[in-house]
Amino acid sequence: MKKIFYLLTAACMMVACNDTIKDGNGTEPTGLSVQSEGTAGAKVTVIGQDIAKDAKFYLADSENRTELNAEILESGAEVTLPYTLGEFTLYVDQDGSSYAVGKITVAITGIVLPEEASIGEEITITANGFAADAAIFLGDVDANAVLEGTVFTLAVPAEVSLGETTVTVKQAGTEQELGKINVKEGKKLITRFSAEMMGEVFMDYEIKYDSSSKPVTFVDNSYGFPLEYTISTTDDISYAFNGEMASWTFKVENNRVAEIEYEGESFPWEYDTNGHLTTFWVDEVDSYPTDYDADGNYGYGFLYDNKSMLNKPDAIDIQAAFALIGSDIYDNPFIYAAAAMLGWAGTPSTNLPTGLDGAGDCSYEFDSNGYVTLMSIEGMINFTCSYAE
């Protein structure tokens, strides 16, 4: 009987002892560790033994101390990180003493952002750990980005400097560099492209845009009266053109037409390694070749005697347009015109032509950004191009 009594007494003492350990009375935690980085606002696990059930956790740097929400586990704890970014030391307080758990960096993680973007272009930045007050900066310019879940959407502000630009998020009074984007000059939106020969108009096209710079209407005025094609898209990949003369859909990949859907069939548009259009379809009958040379310039009799006369890399290819829209070998030249004006017909010619063999020299007028507004061949053939403000 005495033996049983002693065993029961010993068991009670062990339970009491264990309860004392859980309460933190007279003990200190051991084997403490935490991962080196955690996502802002997320939970991380603290490994350790003898952590009291009333223990408190906090982050500290040289200036501030932030207490954390914590759940004590059998072999450690789970703490919720703040949205404050930076490197901190994690501490646990129990039984009147503080114990360092380890260093941890609270960060925005899983960052995805484009390598390059143009002024005015809409881009997205995806990551984990954005706070409700987070703001995206390109250089020192607030991008006025809109956050939805883990995705920021923004249009690259005109005030941002061209070239490599640092992208930063600022939240909870702290900041973190997310990466760098190569910011390019904004793409010029062509609103009208026309050509005349000896005073006779032989091509005249317009594109209208909505307030977000998406094309909504394509107009062919080449017949002396307007033929309109409404443009619609739901995914910024497939653009449907619907009009009385024809209807088609461009599938746009890498900012160029990958294929055209026409009368229930799909036809690819093909490009060389430099992005120049080599073969394209604009109706259901045949494919049509183009004529770019080794220097990346469109042929068709155009001369390139001054290689310092560079074309804008996002400009319309006027010489290709002259040849391909003005040709009568296919039925629907306005389809190529729409792609060319929207910048979806591949890389344009590297140089501006100095002349057209047998027709004379080329002269030019430019806007303040160096885009061609007029190309004239001896005053007999004139091409004009207008851009959105």
Protein backbone atom coordinates (compact mmCIF):
# COMPACT_ATOMS: atom_id res chain seq x y z
CA MET A 1 0.00 0.00 0.00
CA LYS A 2 2.83 2.40 0.89
CA LYS A 3 4.46 1.67 -2.46
CA ILE A 4 1.29 2.60 -4.33
CA PHE A 5 1.00 5.79 -2.24
CA TYR A 6 4.58 6.81 -3.09
CA LEU A 7 3.97 6.16 -6.82
CA LEU A 8 0.84 8.31 -6.83
CA THR A 9 2.68 11.05 -4.96
CA ALA A 10 5.54 10.96 -7.46
CA ALA A 11 3.10 11.12 -10.40
CA CYS A 12 1.37 14.14 -8.91
CA MET A 13 4.70 15.85 -8.41
CA MET A 14 5.65 15.21 -12.07
CA VAL A 15 2.38 16.67 -13.31
CA ALA A 16 2.86 19.68 -11.04
CA CYS A 17 6.41 20.06 -12.32
CA ASN A 18 5.25 19.91 -15.97
CA ASP A 19 2.57 22.51 -15.27
CA THR A 20 5.23 24.70 -13.69
CA ILE A 21 7.38 24.39 -16.85
CA LYS A 22 4.47 25.35 -19.09
CA ASP A 23 3.76 28.36 -16.92
CA GLY A 24 7.40 29.42 -17.18
CA ASN A 25 8.03 29.60 -13.47
CA GLY A 26 11.76 29.36 -12.93
CA THR A 27 12.59 27.96 -16.42
CA GLU A 28 14.21 29.28 -19.57
CA PRO A 29 13.51 28.19 -23.18
CA THR A 30 16.11 26.08 -24.95
CA GLY A 31 16.94 25.10 -28.52
CA LEU A 32 15.49 28.33 -29.93
CA SER A 33 15.68 29.03 -33.67
CA VAL A 34 13.69 30.67 -36.47
CA GLN A 35 14.01 30.85 -40.26
CA SER A 36 16.16 33.65 -41.65
CA GLU A 37 13.40 35.27 -43.77
CA GLY A 38 9.64 35.48 -43.56
CA THR A 39 6.90 37.05 -45.64
CA ALA A 40 5.42 40.23 -44.20
CA GLY A 41 2.05 39.53 -42.57
CA ALA A 42 2.57 35.76 -42.65
CA LYS A 43 3.10 33.20 -39.89
CA VAL A 44 6.46 31.61 -39.13
CA THR A 45 7.36 28.77 -36.79
CA VAL A 46 9.70 29.20 -33.83
CA ILE A 47 11.48 26.01 -32.80
CA GLY A 48 12.23 25.54 -29.09
CA GLN A 49 11.50 23.71 -25.87
CA ASP A 50 10.25 24.89 -22.51
CA ILE A 51 8.46 27.90 -23.97
CA ALA A 52 5.90 29.07 -21.41
CA LYS A 53 2.26 29.23 -22.39
CA ASP A 54 2.20 32.91 -21.36
CA ALA A 55 5.43 33.76 -23.21
CA LYS A 56 5.50 36.95 -25.32
CA PHE A 57 7.30 37.36 -28.63
CA TYR A 58 8.52 40.56 -30.19
CA LEU A 59 10.75 41.87 -32.98
CA ALA A 60 13.34 44.52 -32.27
CA ASP A 61 15.87 46.58 -34.18
CA SER A 62 17.97 49.50 -33.01
CA GLU A 63 14.95 51.80 -32.83
CA ASN A 64 11.71 49.89 -32.33
CA ARG A 65 10.15 46.91 -30.60
CA THR A 66 7.02 45.25 -32.03
CA GLU A 67 5.04 42.66 -30.09
CA LEU A 68 3.73 39.76 -32.16
CA ASN A 69 0.66 37.60 -32.02
CA ALA A 70 1.79 34.12 -31.02
CA GLU A 71 0.39 30.63 -30.53
CA ILE A 72 2.41 28.42 -28.18
CA LEU A 73 2.88 24.88 -29.47
CA GLU A 74 4.18 21.70 -27.84
CA SER A 75 7.64 22.17 -29.34
CA GLY A 76 7.81 25.86 -30.11
CA ALA A 77 5.45 28.58 -31.24
CA GLU A 78 3.87 30.13 -34.30
CA VAL A 79 4.15 33.90 -34.60
CA THR A 80 2.60 36.34 -37.07
CA LEU A 81 5.04 38.79 -38.64
CA PRO A 82 4.16 42.48 -39.04
CA TYR A 83 4.06 44.35 -42.36
CA THR A 84 7.11 46.33 -41.25
CA LEU A 85 9.99 45.45 -43.58
CA GLY A 86 13.62 44.95 -42.63
CA GLU A 87 16.01 42.86 -40.52
CA PHE A 88 15.11 42.26 -36.89
CA THR A 89 16.02 40.11 -33.91
CA LEU A 90 13.18 37.94 -32.64
CA TYR A 91 12.92 37.68 -28.85
CA VAL A 92 10.80 35.66 -26.46
CA ASP A 93 9.93 37.04 -23.00
CA GLN A 94 9.03 34.72 -20.16
CA ASP A 95 9.46 34.63 -16.40
CA GLY A 96 10.75 38.20 -16.43
CA SER A 97 13.61 37.56 -18.84
CA SER A 98 14.18 38.03 -22.60
CA TYR A 99 15.81 35.41 -24.82
CA ALA A 100 17.04 35.99 -28.39
CA VAL A 101 15.56 33.49 -30.83
CA GLY A 102 17.49 34.62 -33.90
CA LYS A 103 17.75 37.09 -36.75
CA ILE A 104 14.87 37.28 -39.25
CA THR A 105 14.26 39.50 -42.27
CA VAL A 106 10.64 40.48 -42.83
CA ALA A 107 10.24 40.90 -46.57
CA ILE A 108 8.06 41.03 -49.65
CA THR A 109 8.59 37.63 -51.31
CA GLY A 110 7.72 35.82 -54.53
CA ILE A 111 8.30 38.98 -56.59
CA VAL A 112 7.35 38.93 -60.28
CA LEU A 113 7.80 42.09 -62.35
CA PRO A 114 8.54 42.76 -66.04
CA GLU A 115 12.08 43.26 -67.25
CA GLU A 116 11.09 46.31 -69.30
CA ALA A 117 8.15 48.63 -69.86
CA SER A 118 7.34 51.74 -71.85
CA ILE A 119 6.10 55.06 -70.54
CA GLY A 120 2.32 54.83 -70.29
CA GLU A 121 2.29 51.04 -70.55
CA GLU A 122 0.12 49.17 -68.06
CA ILE A 123 2.07 46.56 -66.10
CA THR A 124 1.51 44.31 -63.11
CA ILE A 125 3.74 43.52 -60.13
CA THR A 126 2.95 40.38 -58.18
CA ALA A 127 4.33 39.44 -54.75
CA ASN A 128 3.40 38.25 -51.28
CA GLY A 129 3.39 40.46 -48.20
CA PHE A 130 1.92 43.73 -49.46
CA ALA A 131 0.25 45.77 -46.72
CA ALA A 132 -2.97 47.71 -47.18
CA ASP A 133 -1.00 50.98 -47.24
CA ALA A 134 1.66 49.69 -49.66
CA ALA A 135 2.72 52.04 -52.47
CA ILE A 136 4.89 51.31 -55.51
CA PHE A 137 7.60 53.77 -56.58
CA LEU A 138 9.54 53.78 -59.86
CA GLY A 139 12.68 55.64 -58.93
CA ASP A 140 11.33 58.46 -56.76
CA VAL A 141 7.98 58.64 -58.59
CA ASP A 142 4.82 57.31 -56.93
CA ALA A 143 3.23 55.06 -59.57
CA ASN A 144 -0.27 55.37 -58.05
CA ALA A 145 -0.57 51.61 -58.33
CA VAL A 146 -3.78 49.79 -57.45
CA LEU A 147 -3.50 46.70 -55.23
CA GLU A 148 -5.87 43.76 -55.56
CA GLY A 149 -4.88 40.72 -53.53
CA THR A 150 -1.23 40.05 -54.33
CA VAL A 151 -1.17 42.05 -57.59
CA PHE A 152 -0.37 45.72 -58.16
CA THR A 153 -1.53 47.24 -61.47
CA LEU A 154 -0.04 50.51 -62.70
CA ALA A 155 0.67 52.58 -65.77
CA VAL A 156 4.30 53.69 -66.01
CA PRO A 157 4.20 57.46 -65.26
CA ALA A 158 5.60 59.92 -67.78
CA GLU A 159 7.78 61.44 -65.03
CA VAL A 160 9.87 58.27 -64.70
CA SER A 161 13.40 58.55 -66.11
CA LEU A 162 14.26 56.36 -69.07
CA GLY A 163 16.66 53.46 -68.58
CA GLU A 164 17.18 51.10 -65.68
CA THR A 165 14.83 52.14 -62.88
CA THR A 166 14.58 50.78 -59.34
CA VAL A 167 11.15 49.55 -58.25
CA THR A 168 10.45 50.04 -54.54
CA VAL A 169 7.53 49.26 -52.26
CA LYS A 170 6.91 51.49 -49.25
CA GLN A 171 4.64 50.29 -46.44
CA ALA A 172 4.29 50.61 -42.67
CA GLY A 173 6.95 53.31 -42.62
CA THR A 174 9.54 51.02 -44.24
CA GLU A 175 10.58 50.13 -47.77
CA GLN A 176 12.10 47.36 -49.87
CA GLU A 177 13.62 47.25 -53.33
CA LEU A 178 11.66 44.82 -55.51
CA GLY A 179 13.93 44.86 -58.54
CA LYS A 180 14.69 46.93 -61.62
CA ILE A 181 12.79 47.67 -64.81
CA ASN A 182 14.25 49.06 -68.01
CA VAL A 183 11.92 51.97 -68.80
CA LYS A 184 11.64 52.83 -72.48
CA GLU A 185 10.16 55.75 -74.33
CA GLY A 186 6.39 55.44 -74.57
CA LYS A 187 4.94 53.91 -77.68
CA LYS A 188 3.38 56.43 -80.02
CA LEU A 189 -0.26 55.65 -80.77
CA ILE A 190 -0.96 56.18 -84.45
CA THR A 191 -4.32 57.80 -85.07
CA ARG A 192 -4.12 58.26 -88.84
CA PHE A 193 -1.99 57.02 -91.72
CA SER A 194 -2.60 58.20 -95.28
CA ALA A 195 -0.86 58.40 -98.64
CA GLU A 196 -1.43 60.22 -101.87
CA MET A 197 0.13 60.03 -105.31
CA MET A 198 -0.03 63.04 -107.61
CA GLY A 199 -2.80 64.49 -105.43
CA GLU A 200 -4.87 61.27 -105.45
CA VAL A 201 -5.40 59.54 -102.09
CA PHE A 202 -4.80 55.81 -102.34
CA MET A 203 -4.76 54.88 -98.65
CA ASP A 204 -6.32 56.57 -95.65
CA TYR A 205 -6.85 54.81 -92.32
CA GLU A 206 -7.77 55.88 -88.79
CA ILE A 207 -7.67 54.22 -85.38
CA LYS A 208 -9.65 55.47 -82.41
CA TYR A 209 -8.74 54.64 -78.80
CA ASP A 210 -10.55 54.67 -75.47
CA SER A 211 -9.36 56.54 -72.38
CA SER A 212 -7.01 53.67 -71.46
CA SER A 213 -5.36 53.76 -74.94
CA LYS A 214 -6.95 50.53 -76.13
CA PRO A 215 -8.00 50.55 -79.80
CA VAL A 216 -11.78 50.52 -80.21
CA THR A 217 -12.40 51.46 -83.86
CA PHE A 218 -10.51 51.03 -87.13
CA VAL A 219 -11.69 53.16 -90.05
CA ASP A 220 -10.86 52.68 -93.73
CA ASN A 221 -11.36 55.96 -95.66
CA SER A 222 -9.56 54.80 -98.80
CA TYR A 223 -12.78 54.57 -100.82
CA GLY A 224 -13.82 58.14 -100.20
CA PHE A 225 -16.25 57.19 -97.45
CA PRO A 226 -15.65 55.65 -94.01
CA LEU A 227 -15.83 51.90 -93.47
CA GLU A 228 -15.72 51.23 -89.74
CA TYR A 229 -14.57 48.12 -87.90
CA THR A 230 -15.25 47.85 -84.18
CA ILE A 231 -12.41 46.37 -82.15
CA SER A 232 -13.09 44.30 -79.05
CA THR A 233 -10.92 42.26 -76.70
CA THR A 234 -11.44 40.47 -73.42
CA ASP A 235 -7.90 39.28 -72.71
CA ASP A 236 -5.50 41.67 -74.53
CA ILE A 237 -4.47 38.74 -76.71
CA SER A 238 -7.34 38.24 -79.15
CA TYR A 239 -8.59 41.38 -80.89
CA ALA A 240 -11.79 40.97 -82.92
CA PHE A 241 -12.44 43.39 -85.83
CA ASN A 242 -16.04 43.47 -87.05
CA GLY A 243 -17.24 45.44 -90.07
CA GLU A 244 -19.43 45.32 -93.16
CA MET A 245 -16.64 44.47 -95.58
CA ALA A 246 -14.95 41.82 -93.45
CA SER A 247 -14.47 40.48 -89.93
CA TRP A 248 -11.35 38.92 -88.49
CA THR A 249 -9.46 38.34 -85.25
CA PHE A 250 -5.81 39.03 -84.55
CA LYS A 251 -4.13 36.83 -81.95
CA VAL A 252 -1.36 39.06 -80.59
CA GLU A 253 1.72 37.62 -78.88
CA ASN A 254 4.93 39.53 -78.05
CA ASN A 255 3.28 42.65 -79.44
CA ARG A 256 2.82 41.23 -82.92
CA VAL A 257 0.19 39.23 -84.80
CA ALA A 258 0.85 35.54 -84.25
CA GLU A 259 -2.13 34.42 -86.31
CA ILE A 260 -5.29 35.68 -87.92
CA GLU A 261 -8.68 34.02 -87.70
CA TYR A 262 -10.64 34.69 -90.87
CA GLU A 263 -13.88 33.08 -92.04
CA GLY A 264 -13.57 30.23 -89.59
CA GLU A 265 -9.93 29.38 -90.32
CA SER A 266 -6.64 30.33 -88.67
CA PHE A 267 -3.53 31.42 -90.54
CA PRO A 268 -0.13 32.18 -88.98
CA TRP A 269 1.93 35.31 -89.51
CA GLU A 270 5.63 34.41 -89.57
CA TYR A 271 8.74 36.38 -88.62
CA ASP A 272 12.51 36.05 -88.96
CA THR A 273 14.93 35.96 -86.01
CA ASN A 274 15.03 39.77 -85.96
CA GLY A 275 11.26 40.04 -85.73
CA HIS A 276 10.68 41.20 -89.32
CA LEU A 277 7.46 39.95 -90.90
CA THR A 278 8.30 37.35 -93.55
CA THR A 279 4.92 35.82 -94.45
CA PHE A 280 1.38 36.92 -93.69
CA TRP A 281 -2.24 36.13 -94.50
CA VAL A 282 -5.03 38.66 -95.00
CA ASP A 283 -7.59 36.43 -96.70
CA GLU A 284 -8.39 32.77 -97.14
CA VAL A 285 -6.59 32.24 -100.43
CA ASP A 286 -2.82 32.67 -100.22
CA SER A 287 0.07 33.73 -98.02
CA TYR A 288 2.17 36.70 -99.05
CA PRO A 289 5.94 37.15 -98.63
CA THR A 290 7.68 40.36 -97.61
CA ASP A 291 11.06 41.67 -98.67
CA TYR A 292 13.45 42.56 -95.82
CA ASP A 293 17.19 42.54 -96.60
CA ALA A 294 20.14 41.52 -94.42
CA ASP A 295 20.23 44.99 -92.83
CA GLY A 296 16.60 44.67 -91.77
CA ASN A 297 15.30 47.14 -94.37
CA TYR A 298 12.32 46.68 -96.63
CA GLY A 299 13.28 46.40 -100.30
CA TYR A 300 10.76 47.07 -103.10
CA GLY A 301 13.20 49.50 -104.74
CA PHE A 302 13.84 51.69 -101.71
CA LEU A 303 17.40 52.99 -101.32
CA TYR A 304 19.28 53.25 -98.02
CA ASP A 305 22.34 55.35 -98.77
CA ASN A 306 22.54 56.95 -95.31
CA LYS A 307 22.64 54.34 -92.55
CA SER A 308 22.62 57.07 -89.89
CA MET A 309 18.96 57.74 -90.74
CA LEU A 310 17.52 55.36 -88.16
CA ASN A 311 13.86 54.50 -87.93
CA LYS A 312 12.09 54.48 -84.57
CA PRO A 313 11.87 50.83 -83.41
CA ASP A 314 8.13 51.17 -82.63
CA ALA A 315 7.21 53.31 -85.66
CA ILE A 316 5.11 52.21 -88.60
CA ASP A 317 7.20 50.78 -91.44
CA ILE A 318 6.23 53.33 -94.10
CA GLN A 319 8.07 51.68 -96.97
CA ALA A 320 6.56 48.27 -96.19
CA ALA A 321 3.14 49.87 -95.88
CA PHE A 322 3.57 51.51 -99.29
CA ALA A 323 4.38 48.18 -100.89
CA LEU A 324 1.96 45.91 -99.00
CA ILE A 325 -1.07 48.17 -98.65
CA GLY A 326 -0.69 49.66 -102.10
CA SER A 327 -0.41 46.27 -103.75
CA ASP A 328 -3.39 44.78 -105.58
CA ILE A 329 -2.27 41.15 -105.25
CA TYR A 330 -4.71 40.44 -102.40
CA ASP A 331 -8.24 41.44 -101.51
CA ASN A 332 -7.97 42.94 -98.03
CA PRO A 333 -5.00 45.34 -97.70
CA PHE A 334 -6.80 47.13 -94.85
CA ILE A 335 -6.13 44.11 -92.62
CA TYR A 336 -2.37 44.58 -92.92
CA ALA A 337 -2.89 48.35 -92.47
CA ALA A 338 -4.63 47.78 -89.12
CA ALA A 339 -1.81 45.53 -87.87
CA ALA A 340 0.90 47.95 -89.05
CA MET A 341 -0.72 51.01 -87.47
CA LEU A 342 -1.14 49.20 -84.15
CA GLY A 343 2.53 48.15 -84.20
CA TRP A 344 1.66 44.46 -84.57
CA ALA A 345 3.32 43.79 -87.94
CA GLY A 346 6.77 42.97 -86.60
CA THR A 347 9.97 44.96 -86.32
CA PRO A 348 10.03 47.89 -88.78
CA SER A 349 12.89 48.69 -91.12
CA THR A 350 16.10 49.65 -89.36
CA ASN A 351 16.65 52.74 -91.50
CA LEU A 352 14.59 55.39 -93.21
CA PRO A 353 14.96 55.24 -97.00
CA THR A 354 16.86 57.99 -98.78
CA GLY A 355 14.96 57.44 -102.00
CA LEU A 356 12.92 55.15 -104.24
CA ASP A 357 14.72 53.84 -107.30
CA GLY A 358 13.41 55.59 -110.40
CA ALA A 359 11.06 57.86 -108.43
CA GLY A 360 13.42 60.23 -106.60
CA ASP A 361 14.73 61.21 -103.19
CA CYS A 362 12.86 61.03 -99.89
CA SER A 363 12.42 64.02 -97.61
CA TYR A 364 10.94 64.05 -94.10
CA GLU A 365 9.19 65.98 -91.39
CA PHE A 366 9.36 64.82 -87.77
CA ASP A 367 7.57 65.55 -84.51
CA SER A 368 9.38 66.65 -81.36
CA ASN A 369 10.14 63.03 -80.44
CA GLY A 370 11.68 62.16 -83.79
CA TYR A 371 8.72 60.24 -85.25
CA VAL A 372 8.04 60.71 -88.95
CA THR A 373 4.95 62.80 -89.65
CA LEU A 374 5.61 63.17 -93.40
CA MET A 375 7.67 61.20 -95.88
CA SER A 376 7.66 62.66 -99.38
CA ILE A 377 9.14 61.14 -102.53
CA GLU A 378 10.00 64.09 -104.78
CA GLY A 379 6.71 65.71 -103.73
CA MET A 380 4.81 63.24 -105.90
CA ILE A 381 4.12 60.54 -103.30
CA ASN A 382 3.37 61.74 -99.79
CA PHE A 383 2.80 59.68 -96.65
CA THR A 384 1.46 61.35 -93.52
CA CYS A 385 1.22 59.92 -90.04
CA SER A 386 -0.62 61.42 -87.06
CA TYR A 387 -0.22 60.40 -83.42
CA ALA A 388 -2.27 60.67 -80.26
CA GLU A 389 -1.28 63.50 -77.95
